[in-house]
Amino acid sequence: MKIYQYIVPTVLFLGGITAACTDSWDEHYSKKESAIVGNVEMEISDLPATNYLQAASEYSSMYGLLEETGLLEQLNAQSLPYTLFVVNNTEATASGVAEKGLRASAEEAPVSEAEFLAKGHITTASVAPSSLQDGQRLKMWNGKYVEVTTQDALTGQERIAFNGAVVKKVIKTSDAYIYELE
C-alpha cells in the first residue's frame, strides 16, 4: 500500500512535465513578431536595422540609397540607437532622386541631393511609438526638423505622422525603430 503513495505522485509529476513540454515554445518566442498597436502595424525583429532593410525586398531602394551615400557604414559603425523613416519601393521610385549639389551651410562641403535626402530619413533618437507626443520635433541628420502629429487634424482620429506623412508600419529592430511612411 505504501508503494502507491510514491508511484501515484511520481506518475502525476511526470505526466505534468510531459504535457508542459510542447513545440509552442518556438512559436511563442519567435524571432519575428507582428501586432497592431493603436492603428499601426508593429513588427519586431531581432536583426539590426541595416540587415533588416537588406533582407526586406520592399525596401531595396531605400537600402540602395543608404548604401550609395555611404550612410550605411555610418549606421553600422555607431553604437547609439536611432530611428529610420523608410518608404517602400513604389513610393521611392515615384519621388525620384536626382544628383545635384546642395549646401547645408556656408562652412560645410557641398552635399548631393541623394545624401541630403538620405540624411533626412535618419535621426539619432530611438523613438518608440508610445513615446511620441503631438507637436514633438525630431532633428534629422541633414539638420532639418520633423514635426510629429499623433491625431488627424480633420477627423481627430489617432494616427502617427511625421511632417504630414502618415506611418503605415513600425518595425522594432535590435538597434533602431523603422517607420514606414505612406
N, C-alpha and C. Protein backbone atom coordinates (compact mmCIF):
# COMPACT_ATOMS: atom_id res chain seq x y z
N MET A 1 0.81 -1.18 0.00
CA MET A 1 0.00 0.00 0.00
C MET A 1 0.86 1.26 0.00
N LYS A 2 2.00 1.20 0.70
CA LYS A 2 2.87 2.37 0.73
C LYS A 2 3.46 2.66 -0.63
N ILE A 3 3.59 1.66 -1.46
CA ILE A 3 4.18 1.87 -2.78
C ILE A 3 3.31 2.78 -3.63
N TYR A 4 1.98 2.74 -3.44
CA TYR A 4 1.07 3.61 -4.18
C TYR A 4 1.25 5.07 -3.78
N GLN A 5 1.69 5.34 -2.55
CA GLN A 5 1.93 6.71 -2.10
C GLN A 5 3.06 7.36 -2.91
N TYR A 6 3.99 6.57 -3.38
CA TYR A 6 5.12 7.11 -4.14
C TYR A 6 4.91 7.04 -5.64
N ILE A 7 4.22 6.02 -6.10
CA ILE A 7 4.03 5.83 -7.54
C ILE A 7 3.04 6.85 -8.11
N VAL A 8 1.92 7.03 -7.46
CA VAL A 8 0.89 7.93 -7.98
C VAL A 8 1.41 9.36 -8.10
N PRO A 9 2.03 9.96 -7.07
CA PRO A 9 2.56 11.32 -7.25
C PRO A 9 3.66 11.41 -8.31
N THR A 10 4.50 10.38 -8.42
CA THR A 10 5.56 10.37 -9.43
C THR A 10 4.97 10.35 -10.83
N VAL A 11 3.96 9.52 -11.04
CA VAL A 11 3.32 9.43 -12.35
C VAL A 11 2.63 10.76 -12.69
N LEU A 12 1.95 11.38 -11.75
CA LEU A 12 1.30 12.66 -11.99
C LEU A 12 2.33 13.76 -12.31
N PHE A 13 3.45 13.76 -11.59
CA PHE A 13 4.51 14.73 -11.81
C PHE A 13 5.10 14.57 -13.21
N LEU A 14 5.41 13.35 -13.58
CA LEU A 14 5.98 13.11 -14.92
C LEU A 14 4.98 13.43 -16.02
N GLY A 15 3.71 13.15 -15.79
CA GLY A 15 2.67 13.49 -16.76
C GLY A 15 2.55 14.99 -16.94
N GLY A 16 2.66 15.74 -15.86
CA GLY A 16 2.61 17.20 -15.94
C GLY A 16 3.78 17.78 -16.70
N ILE A 17 4.96 17.26 -16.47
CA ILE A 17 6.15 17.75 -17.18
C ILE A 17 6.05 17.44 -18.66
N THR A 18 5.59 16.24 -19.00
CA THR A 18 5.45 15.85 -20.40
C THR A 18 4.44 16.74 -21.12
N ALA A 19 3.34 17.06 -20.47
CA ALA A 19 2.32 17.91 -21.09
C ALA A 19 2.83 19.34 -21.27
N ALA A 20 3.71 19.80 -20.39
CA ALA A 20 4.22 21.17 -20.47
C ALA A 20 5.25 21.35 -21.57
N CYS A 21 5.93 20.31 -21.95
CA CYS A 21 6.98 20.39 -22.98
C CYS A 21 6.36 20.19 -24.35
N THR A 22 6.05 21.30 -25.03
CA THR A 22 5.47 21.23 -26.37
C THR A 22 6.28 22.10 -27.32
N ASP A 23 5.92 22.06 -28.58
CA ASP A 23 6.61 22.85 -29.60
C ASP A 23 6.12 24.29 -29.65
N SER A 24 5.14 24.65 -28.84
CA SER A 24 4.62 26.01 -28.89
C SER A 24 5.62 27.03 -28.35
N TRP A 25 6.67 26.58 -27.68
CA TRP A 25 7.71 27.48 -27.17
C TRP A 25 8.31 28.29 -28.32
N ASP A 26 8.67 27.60 -29.42
CA ASP A 26 9.26 28.28 -30.57
C ASP A 26 8.28 29.26 -31.20
N GLU A 27 7.01 28.92 -31.24
CA GLU A 27 6.01 29.82 -31.80
C GLU A 27 5.86 31.06 -30.93
N HIS A 28 5.89 30.87 -29.62
CA HIS A 28 5.69 31.99 -28.71
C HIS A 28 6.89 32.94 -28.70
N TYR A 29 8.09 32.39 -28.75
CA TYR A 29 9.30 33.21 -28.71
C TYR A 29 10.00 33.25 -30.06
N SER A 30 9.26 33.55 -31.10
CA SER A 30 9.85 33.59 -32.44
C SER A 30 10.67 34.86 -32.60
N LYS A 31 11.53 34.86 -33.61
CA LYS A 31 12.43 35.98 -33.87
C LYS A 31 11.72 37.14 -34.54
N LYS A 32 10.56 36.90 -35.13
CA LYS A 32 9.84 37.94 -35.83
C LYS A 32 8.38 37.87 -35.41
N GLU A 33 7.89 38.97 -34.84
CA GLU A 33 6.52 39.02 -34.38
C GLU A 33 5.84 40.21 -35.04
N SER A 34 4.52 40.14 -35.11
CA SER A 34 3.76 41.23 -35.68
C SER A 34 2.52 41.45 -34.82
N ALA A 35 2.16 42.70 -34.63
CA ALA A 35 0.99 43.04 -33.83
C ALA A 35 0.45 44.38 -34.33
N ILE A 36 -0.74 44.75 -33.88
CA ILE A 36 -1.32 46.04 -34.19
C ILE A 36 -1.29 46.88 -32.92
N VAL A 37 -0.63 48.03 -32.98
CA VAL A 37 -0.56 48.95 -31.84
C VAL A 37 -1.31 50.20 -32.25
N GLY A 38 -2.42 50.47 -31.57
CA GLY A 38 -3.28 51.58 -31.99
C GLY A 38 -3.86 51.22 -33.35
N ASN A 39 -3.55 52.01 -34.35
CA ASN A 39 -3.99 51.70 -35.72
C ASN A 39 -2.80 51.44 -36.64
N VAL A 40 -1.61 51.18 -36.06
CA VAL A 40 -0.40 50.97 -36.84
C VAL A 40 0.11 49.55 -36.61
N GLU A 41 0.48 48.89 -37.70
CA GLU A 41 1.06 47.56 -37.58
C GLU A 41 2.46 47.68 -36.98
N MET A 42 2.75 46.83 -36.01
CA MET A 42 4.05 46.83 -35.33
C MET A 42 4.69 45.48 -35.55
N GLU A 43 5.92 45.49 -36.05
CA GLU A 43 6.67 44.26 -36.27
C GLU A 43 7.94 44.31 -35.43
N ILE A 44 8.31 43.18 -34.84
CA ILE A 44 9.50 43.12 -34.01
C ILE A 44 10.47 42.11 -34.62
N SER A 45 11.72 42.53 -34.79
CA SER A 45 12.75 41.67 -35.36
C SER A 45 14.01 41.83 -34.53
N ASP A 46 14.76 40.75 -34.35
CA ASP A 46 15.99 40.87 -33.58
C ASP A 46 17.21 41.11 -34.47
N LEU A 47 16.99 41.41 -35.74
CA LEU A 47 18.08 41.79 -36.65
C LEU A 47 18.42 43.26 -36.46
N PRO A 48 19.66 43.67 -36.72
CA PRO A 48 19.96 45.11 -36.78
C PRO A 48 19.20 45.74 -37.95
N ALA A 49 18.94 47.03 -37.86
CA ALA A 49 18.11 47.71 -38.86
C ALA A 49 18.69 47.59 -40.27
N THR A 50 20.00 47.74 -40.42
CA THR A 50 20.59 47.67 -41.76
C THR A 50 20.43 46.27 -42.35
N ASN A 51 20.57 45.24 -41.53
CA ASN A 51 20.38 43.87 -42.02
C ASN A 51 18.91 43.63 -42.37
N TYR A 52 18.01 44.19 -41.58
CA TYR A 52 16.58 44.05 -41.86
C TYR A 52 16.24 44.68 -43.20
N LEU A 53 16.73 45.91 -43.44
CA LEU A 53 16.45 46.58 -44.71
C LEU A 53 17.05 45.83 -45.88
N GLN A 54 18.22 45.25 -45.69
CA GLN A 54 18.86 44.49 -46.76
C GLN A 54 18.04 43.25 -47.10
N ALA A 55 17.48 42.60 -46.09
CA ALA A 55 16.72 41.37 -46.30
C ALA A 55 15.31 41.63 -46.82
N ALA A 56 14.74 42.78 -46.52
CA ALA A 56 13.37 43.10 -46.93
C ALA A 56 13.37 43.66 -48.34
N SER A 57 12.83 42.91 -49.28
CA SER A 57 12.86 43.33 -50.68
C SER A 57 12.03 44.58 -50.94
N GLU A 58 11.00 44.85 -50.13
CA GLU A 58 10.16 46.03 -50.37
C GLU A 58 10.87 47.34 -50.04
N TYR A 59 12.03 47.27 -49.36
CA TYR A 59 12.79 48.47 -49.03
C TYR A 59 14.15 48.50 -49.74
N SER A 60 14.29 47.79 -50.82
CA SER A 60 15.59 47.70 -51.50
C SER A 60 16.06 49.06 -52.04
N SER A 61 15.14 49.91 -52.48
CA SER A 61 15.56 51.22 -52.98
C SER A 61 16.07 52.12 -51.85
N MET A 62 15.45 52.05 -50.67
CA MET A 62 15.94 52.82 -49.53
C MET A 62 17.29 52.27 -49.06
N TYR A 63 17.43 50.96 -49.05
CA TYR A 63 18.72 50.36 -48.69
C TYR A 63 19.79 50.80 -49.69
N GLY A 64 19.45 50.81 -50.98
CA GLY A 64 20.38 51.25 -52.01
C GLY A 64 20.79 52.70 -51.83
N LEU A 65 19.83 53.56 -51.46
CA LEU A 65 20.13 54.97 -51.23
C LEU A 65 21.10 55.14 -50.06
N LEU A 66 20.87 54.40 -48.97
CA LEU A 66 21.76 54.47 -47.82
C LEU A 66 23.15 53.94 -48.15
N GLU A 67 23.20 52.89 -48.96
CA GLU A 67 24.48 52.31 -49.35
C GLU A 67 25.23 53.23 -50.30
N GLU A 68 24.52 53.80 -51.26
CA GLU A 68 25.12 54.70 -52.27
C GLU A 68 25.72 55.95 -51.62
N THR A 69 25.08 56.47 -50.61
CA THR A 69 25.53 57.71 -49.98
C THR A 69 26.55 57.48 -48.87
N GLY A 70 26.85 56.23 -48.54
CA GLY A 70 27.83 55.92 -47.50
C GLY A 70 27.27 55.99 -46.09
N LEU A 71 25.98 56.24 -45.95
CA LEU A 71 25.38 56.34 -44.63
C LEU A 71 25.20 54.97 -43.98
N LEU A 72 25.19 53.94 -44.78
CA LEU A 72 25.05 52.58 -44.26
C LEU A 72 26.22 52.24 -43.34
N GLU A 73 27.43 52.61 -43.76
CA GLU A 73 28.61 52.35 -42.93
C GLU A 73 28.54 53.16 -41.64
N GLN A 74 28.05 54.39 -41.72
CA GLN A 74 27.93 55.21 -40.51
C GLN A 74 26.92 54.61 -39.53
N LEU A 75 25.82 54.10 -40.05
CA LEU A 75 24.82 53.47 -39.19
C LEU A 75 25.37 52.23 -38.52
N ASN A 76 26.12 51.43 -39.29
CA ASN A 76 26.71 50.20 -38.74
C ASN A 76 27.80 50.51 -37.73
N ALA A 77 28.53 51.62 -37.91
CA ALA A 77 29.65 51.96 -37.03
C ALA A 77 29.21 52.57 -35.70
N GLN A 78 28.07 53.27 -35.71
CA GLN A 78 27.66 53.93 -34.46
C GLN A 78 27.07 52.92 -33.50
N SER A 79 27.28 53.18 -32.23
CA SER A 79 26.77 52.27 -31.20
C SER A 79 25.51 52.82 -30.55
N LEU A 80 25.00 53.94 -31.03
CA LEU A 80 23.79 54.54 -30.48
C LEU A 80 22.56 54.02 -31.21
N PRO A 81 21.44 53.89 -30.50
CA PRO A 81 20.20 53.55 -31.20
C PRO A 81 19.73 54.73 -32.04
N TYR A 82 18.94 54.47 -33.07
CA TYR A 82 18.49 55.53 -33.96
C TYR A 82 17.12 55.19 -34.51
N THR A 83 16.56 56.11 -35.27
CA THR A 83 15.26 55.94 -35.90
C THR A 83 15.41 56.21 -37.39
N LEU A 84 14.80 55.35 -38.20
CA LEU A 84 14.82 55.49 -39.66
C LEU A 84 13.41 55.68 -40.17
N PHE A 85 13.25 56.54 -41.15
CA PHE A 85 12.00 56.66 -41.87
C PHE A 85 12.24 56.06 -43.25
N VAL A 86 11.39 55.13 -43.67
CA VAL A 86 11.55 54.50 -44.97
C VAL A 86 10.23 54.54 -45.73
N VAL A 87 10.34 54.40 -47.02
CA VAL A 87 9.18 54.21 -47.89
C VAL A 87 9.43 52.95 -48.70
N ASN A 88 8.35 52.29 -49.10
CA ASN A 88 8.54 51.09 -49.90
C ASN A 88 8.99 51.47 -51.31
N ASN A 89 9.35 50.48 -52.10
CA ASN A 89 9.92 50.74 -53.43
C ASN A 89 8.99 51.54 -54.33
N THR A 90 7.69 51.30 -54.25
CA THR A 90 6.75 52.01 -55.10
C THR A 90 6.77 53.50 -54.81
N GLU A 91 6.75 53.86 -53.52
CA GLU A 91 6.77 55.27 -53.14
C GLU A 91 8.13 55.90 -53.45
N ALA A 92 9.21 55.15 -53.28
CA ALA A 92 10.55 55.69 -53.51
C ALA A 92 10.78 56.01 -54.98
N THR A 93 10.32 55.16 -55.87
CA THR A 93 10.51 55.42 -57.30
C THR A 93 9.61 56.54 -57.78
N ALA A 94 8.46 56.73 -57.14
CA ALA A 94 7.56 57.82 -57.54
C ALA A 94 8.17 59.18 -57.23
N SER A 95 8.96 59.28 -56.14
CA SER A 95 9.55 60.57 -55.79
C SER A 95 10.78 60.87 -56.64
N GLY A 96 11.61 59.87 -56.94
CA GLY A 96 12.81 60.06 -57.76
C GLY A 96 13.87 60.91 -57.07
N VAL A 97 15.13 60.61 -57.35
CA VAL A 97 16.23 61.36 -56.75
C VAL A 97 17.21 61.73 -57.85
N ALA A 98 17.49 63.03 -57.99
CA ALA A 98 18.46 63.49 -58.98
C ALA A 98 19.70 63.98 -58.25
N GLU A 99 20.85 63.82 -58.86
CA GLU A 99 22.10 64.26 -58.25
C GLU A 99 22.31 65.75 -58.54
N LYS A 100 22.26 66.57 -57.47
CA LYS A 100 22.52 68.00 -57.58
C LYS A 100 23.37 68.39 -56.39
N GLY A 101 24.15 69.43 -56.52
CA GLY A 101 24.93 69.92 -55.39
C GLY A 101 24.10 70.85 -54.53
N LEU A 102 24.03 70.59 -53.24
CA LEU A 102 23.35 71.46 -52.28
C LEU A 102 24.36 71.88 -51.23
N ARG A 103 24.08 72.93 -50.54
CA ARG A 103 24.96 73.36 -49.47
C ARG A 103 24.09 73.61 -48.25
N ALA A 104 24.34 72.82 -47.17
CA ALA A 104 23.56 72.97 -45.95
C ALA A 104 23.88 74.28 -45.25
N SER A 105 25.15 74.66 -45.22
CA SER A 105 25.55 75.95 -44.65
C SER A 105 26.85 76.37 -45.33
N ALA A 106 27.28 77.58 -45.08
CA ALA A 106 28.44 78.13 -45.77
C ALA A 106 29.73 77.38 -45.43
N GLU A 107 29.84 76.86 -44.20
CA GLU A 107 31.10 76.20 -43.85
C GLU A 107 31.15 74.71 -44.21
N GLU A 108 30.03 74.12 -44.57
CA GLU A 108 30.03 72.69 -44.89
C GLU A 108 30.34 72.47 -46.38
N ALA A 109 30.85 71.29 -46.67
CA ALA A 109 31.13 70.92 -48.05
C ALA A 109 29.81 70.66 -48.78
N PRO A 110 29.81 70.77 -50.10
CA PRO A 110 28.59 70.50 -50.86
C PRO A 110 28.09 69.07 -50.60
N VAL A 111 26.80 68.95 -50.50
CA VAL A 111 26.16 67.66 -50.25
C VAL A 111 25.27 67.34 -51.44
N SER A 112 25.34 66.13 -51.95
CA SER A 112 24.47 65.77 -53.06
C SER A 112 23.03 65.69 -52.58
N GLU A 113 22.11 65.80 -53.52
CA GLU A 113 20.69 65.74 -53.18
C GLU A 113 20.35 64.37 -52.60
N ALA A 114 20.98 63.32 -53.13
CA ALA A 114 20.72 61.97 -52.62
C ALA A 114 21.16 61.85 -51.16
N GLU A 115 22.33 62.38 -50.83
CA GLU A 115 22.81 62.32 -49.46
C GLU A 115 21.95 63.16 -48.53
N PHE A 116 21.54 64.34 -48.99
CA PHE A 116 20.67 65.21 -48.20
C PHE A 116 19.33 64.51 -47.93
N LEU A 117 18.79 63.85 -48.97
CA LEU A 117 17.53 63.11 -48.83
C LEU A 117 17.70 61.94 -47.86
N ALA A 118 18.78 61.19 -48.00
CA ALA A 118 19.01 60.04 -47.12
C ALA A 118 19.18 60.48 -45.67
N LYS A 119 19.93 61.56 -45.44
CA LYS A 119 20.11 62.07 -44.08
C LYS A 119 18.80 62.59 -43.49
N GLY A 120 17.87 62.97 -44.34
CA GLY A 120 16.56 63.42 -43.90
C GLY A 120 15.67 62.29 -43.41
N HIS A 121 16.13 61.06 -43.54
CA HIS A 121 15.37 59.89 -43.09
C HIS A 121 15.97 59.25 -41.85
N ILE A 122 16.99 59.86 -41.24
CA ILE A 122 17.68 59.26 -40.09
C ILE A 122 17.77 60.28 -38.95
N THR A 123 17.49 59.83 -37.75
CA THR A 123 17.70 60.64 -36.55
C THR A 123 18.37 59.77 -35.49
N THR A 124 19.20 60.38 -34.66
CA THR A 124 19.94 59.63 -33.66
C THR A 124 19.13 59.47 -32.37
N ALA A 125 17.86 59.62 -32.45
CA ALA A 125 16.99 59.37 -31.30
C ALA A 125 16.20 58.09 -31.57
N SER A 126 16.24 57.15 -30.65
CA SER A 126 15.44 55.94 -30.78
C SER A 126 14.07 56.24 -30.18
N VAL A 127 13.09 56.44 -31.03
CA VAL A 127 11.79 56.91 -30.58
C VAL A 127 10.74 55.81 -30.77
N ALA A 128 10.25 55.30 -29.65
CA ALA A 128 9.19 54.30 -29.67
C ALA A 128 7.86 54.98 -29.99
N PRO A 129 6.94 54.30 -30.67
CA PRO A 129 5.65 54.91 -30.98
C PRO A 129 4.89 55.38 -29.74
N SER A 130 5.06 54.68 -28.64
CA SER A 130 4.34 55.05 -27.41
C SER A 130 4.89 56.33 -26.78
N SER A 131 6.11 56.72 -27.12
CA SER A 131 6.69 57.93 -26.53
C SER A 131 6.53 59.18 -27.40
N LEU A 132 5.93 59.03 -28.58
CA LEU A 132 5.73 60.19 -29.45
C LEU A 132 4.62 61.09 -28.91
N GLN A 133 4.84 62.39 -28.97
CA GLN A 133 3.87 63.36 -28.49
C GLN A 133 3.52 64.32 -29.62
N ASP A 134 2.29 64.77 -29.61
CA ASP A 134 1.84 65.71 -30.62
C ASP A 134 2.64 67.01 -30.51
N GLY A 135 3.18 67.48 -31.64
CA GLY A 135 3.97 68.71 -31.66
C GLY A 135 5.45 68.50 -31.40
N GLN A 136 5.84 67.30 -31.03
CA GLN A 136 7.26 67.00 -30.80
C GLN A 136 8.05 67.18 -32.09
N ARG A 137 9.30 67.61 -31.97
CA ARG A 137 10.16 67.79 -33.15
C ARG A 137 11.38 66.89 -33.02
N LEU A 138 11.77 66.27 -34.13
CA LEU A 138 12.96 65.42 -34.17
C LEU A 138 13.95 66.02 -35.15
N LYS A 139 15.21 66.14 -34.74
CA LYS A 139 16.25 66.68 -35.63
C LYS A 139 16.85 65.53 -36.43
N MET A 140 16.80 65.66 -37.74
CA MET A 140 17.32 64.65 -38.64
C MET A 140 18.81 64.91 -38.91
N TRP A 141 19.47 63.94 -39.53
CA TRP A 141 20.90 64.07 -39.81
C TRP A 141 21.21 65.19 -40.79
N ASN A 142 20.25 65.62 -41.59
CA ASN A 142 20.50 66.71 -42.54
C ASN A 142 20.32 68.08 -41.90
N GLY A 143 20.04 68.12 -40.58
CA GLY A 143 19.90 69.38 -39.87
C GLY A 143 18.48 69.92 -39.84
N LYS A 144 17.57 69.33 -40.56
CA LYS A 144 16.18 69.77 -40.61
C LYS A 144 15.40 69.09 -39.48
N TYR A 145 14.28 69.70 -39.11
CA TYR A 145 13.42 69.16 -38.07
C TYR A 145 12.17 68.56 -38.69
N VAL A 146 11.68 67.47 -38.08
CA VAL A 146 10.46 66.81 -38.48
C VAL A 146 9.48 66.95 -37.33
N GLU A 147 8.26 67.38 -37.63
CA GLU A 147 7.25 67.54 -36.58
C GLU A 147 6.36 66.31 -36.51
N VAL A 148 6.10 65.87 -35.29
CA VAL A 148 5.28 64.69 -35.03
C VAL A 148 3.84 65.13 -34.78
N THR A 149 2.90 64.45 -35.42
CA THR A 149 1.49 64.63 -35.08
C THR A 149 0.92 63.27 -34.73
N THR A 150 0.08 63.24 -33.71
CA THR A 150 -0.49 61.97 -33.25
C THR A 150 -1.99 61.90 -33.47
N GLN A 151 -2.58 62.95 -34.04
CA GLN A 151 -4.00 62.95 -34.35
C GLN A 151 -4.22 63.58 -35.71
N ASP A 152 -5.21 63.07 -36.42
CA ASP A 152 -5.61 63.67 -37.69
C ASP A 152 -6.34 64.98 -37.36
N ALA A 153 -5.92 66.07 -37.96
CA ALA A 153 -6.50 67.39 -37.65
C ALA A 153 -7.97 67.47 -38.05
N LEU A 154 -8.36 66.78 -39.11
CA LEU A 154 -9.74 66.86 -39.59
C LEU A 154 -10.69 65.94 -38.83
N THR A 155 -10.29 64.70 -38.63
CA THR A 155 -11.19 63.72 -38.02
C THR A 155 -10.95 63.53 -36.53
N GLY A 156 -9.79 63.91 -36.03
CA GLY A 156 -9.47 63.69 -34.62
C GLY A 156 -9.05 62.26 -34.32
N GLN A 157 -8.96 61.44 -35.36
CA GLN A 157 -8.59 60.03 -35.20
C GLN A 157 -7.10 59.93 -34.86
N GLU A 158 -6.77 58.98 -33.97
CA GLU A 158 -5.37 58.78 -33.60
C GLU A 158 -4.59 58.19 -34.77
N ARG A 159 -3.45 58.78 -35.05
CA ARG A 159 -2.54 58.27 -36.07
C ARG A 159 -1.19 58.94 -35.83
N ILE A 160 -0.14 58.33 -36.32
CA ILE A 160 1.19 58.91 -36.20
C ILE A 160 1.58 59.43 -37.57
N ALA A 161 2.09 60.65 -37.61
CA ALA A 161 2.56 61.23 -38.87
C ALA A 161 3.78 62.10 -38.58
N PHE A 162 4.69 62.12 -39.54
CA PHE A 162 5.88 62.96 -39.47
C PHE A 162 5.83 63.94 -40.63
N ASN A 163 5.72 65.24 -40.32
CA ASN A 163 5.54 66.28 -41.34
C ASN A 163 4.40 65.94 -42.29
N GLY A 164 3.34 65.37 -41.77
CA GLY A 164 2.17 65.03 -42.56
C GLY A 164 2.22 63.68 -43.23
N ALA A 165 3.36 63.01 -43.26
CA ALA A 165 3.47 61.67 -43.86
C ALA A 165 3.02 60.64 -42.82
N VAL A 166 1.93 59.97 -43.10
CA VAL A 166 1.33 59.03 -42.15
C VAL A 166 2.14 57.74 -42.09
N VAL A 167 2.28 57.21 -40.88
CA VAL A 167 3.02 55.97 -40.66
C VAL A 167 2.11 54.79 -40.97
N LYS A 168 2.58 53.89 -41.84
CA LYS A 168 1.82 52.67 -42.16
C LYS A 168 2.22 51.51 -41.27
N LYS A 169 3.50 51.46 -40.90
CA LYS A 169 4.03 50.30 -40.19
C LYS A 169 5.24 50.72 -39.37
N VAL A 170 5.42 50.10 -38.20
CA VAL A 170 6.57 50.35 -37.35
C VAL A 170 7.31 49.04 -37.17
N ILE A 171 8.62 49.05 -37.36
CA ILE A 171 9.45 47.86 -37.18
C ILE A 171 10.46 48.15 -36.09
N LYS A 172 10.43 47.36 -35.03
CA LYS A 172 11.39 47.49 -33.93
C LYS A 172 12.49 46.47 -34.19
N THR A 173 13.70 46.95 -34.44
CA THR A 173 14.85 46.06 -34.64
C THR A 173 15.72 46.11 -33.40
N SER A 174 16.83 45.39 -33.42
CA SER A 174 17.69 45.34 -32.24
C SER A 174 18.37 46.67 -31.94
N ASP A 175 18.51 47.55 -32.94
CA ASP A 175 19.22 48.80 -32.70
C ASP A 175 18.47 50.05 -33.17
N ALA A 176 17.23 49.88 -33.65
CA ALA A 176 16.53 51.05 -34.19
C ALA A 176 15.03 50.81 -34.27
N TYR A 177 14.31 51.91 -34.44
CA TYR A 177 12.91 51.86 -34.84
C TYR A 177 12.87 52.28 -36.30
N ILE A 178 12.14 51.54 -37.12
CA ILE A 178 11.96 51.89 -38.53
C ILE A 178 10.49 52.20 -38.72
N TYR A 179 10.21 53.38 -39.22
CA TYR A 179 8.83 53.80 -39.51
C TYR A 179 8.64 53.80 -41.01
N GLU A 180 7.69 52.99 -41.51
CA GLU A 180 7.37 53.01 -42.93
C GLU A 180 6.30 54.08 -43.14
N LEU A 181 6.58 55.02 -44.03
CA LEU A 181 5.68 56.14 -44.29
C LEU A 181 4.91 55.93 -45.58
N GLU A 182 3.73 56.55 -45.65
CA GLU A 182 2.94 56.48 -46.88
C GLU A 182 3.56 57.37 -47.94
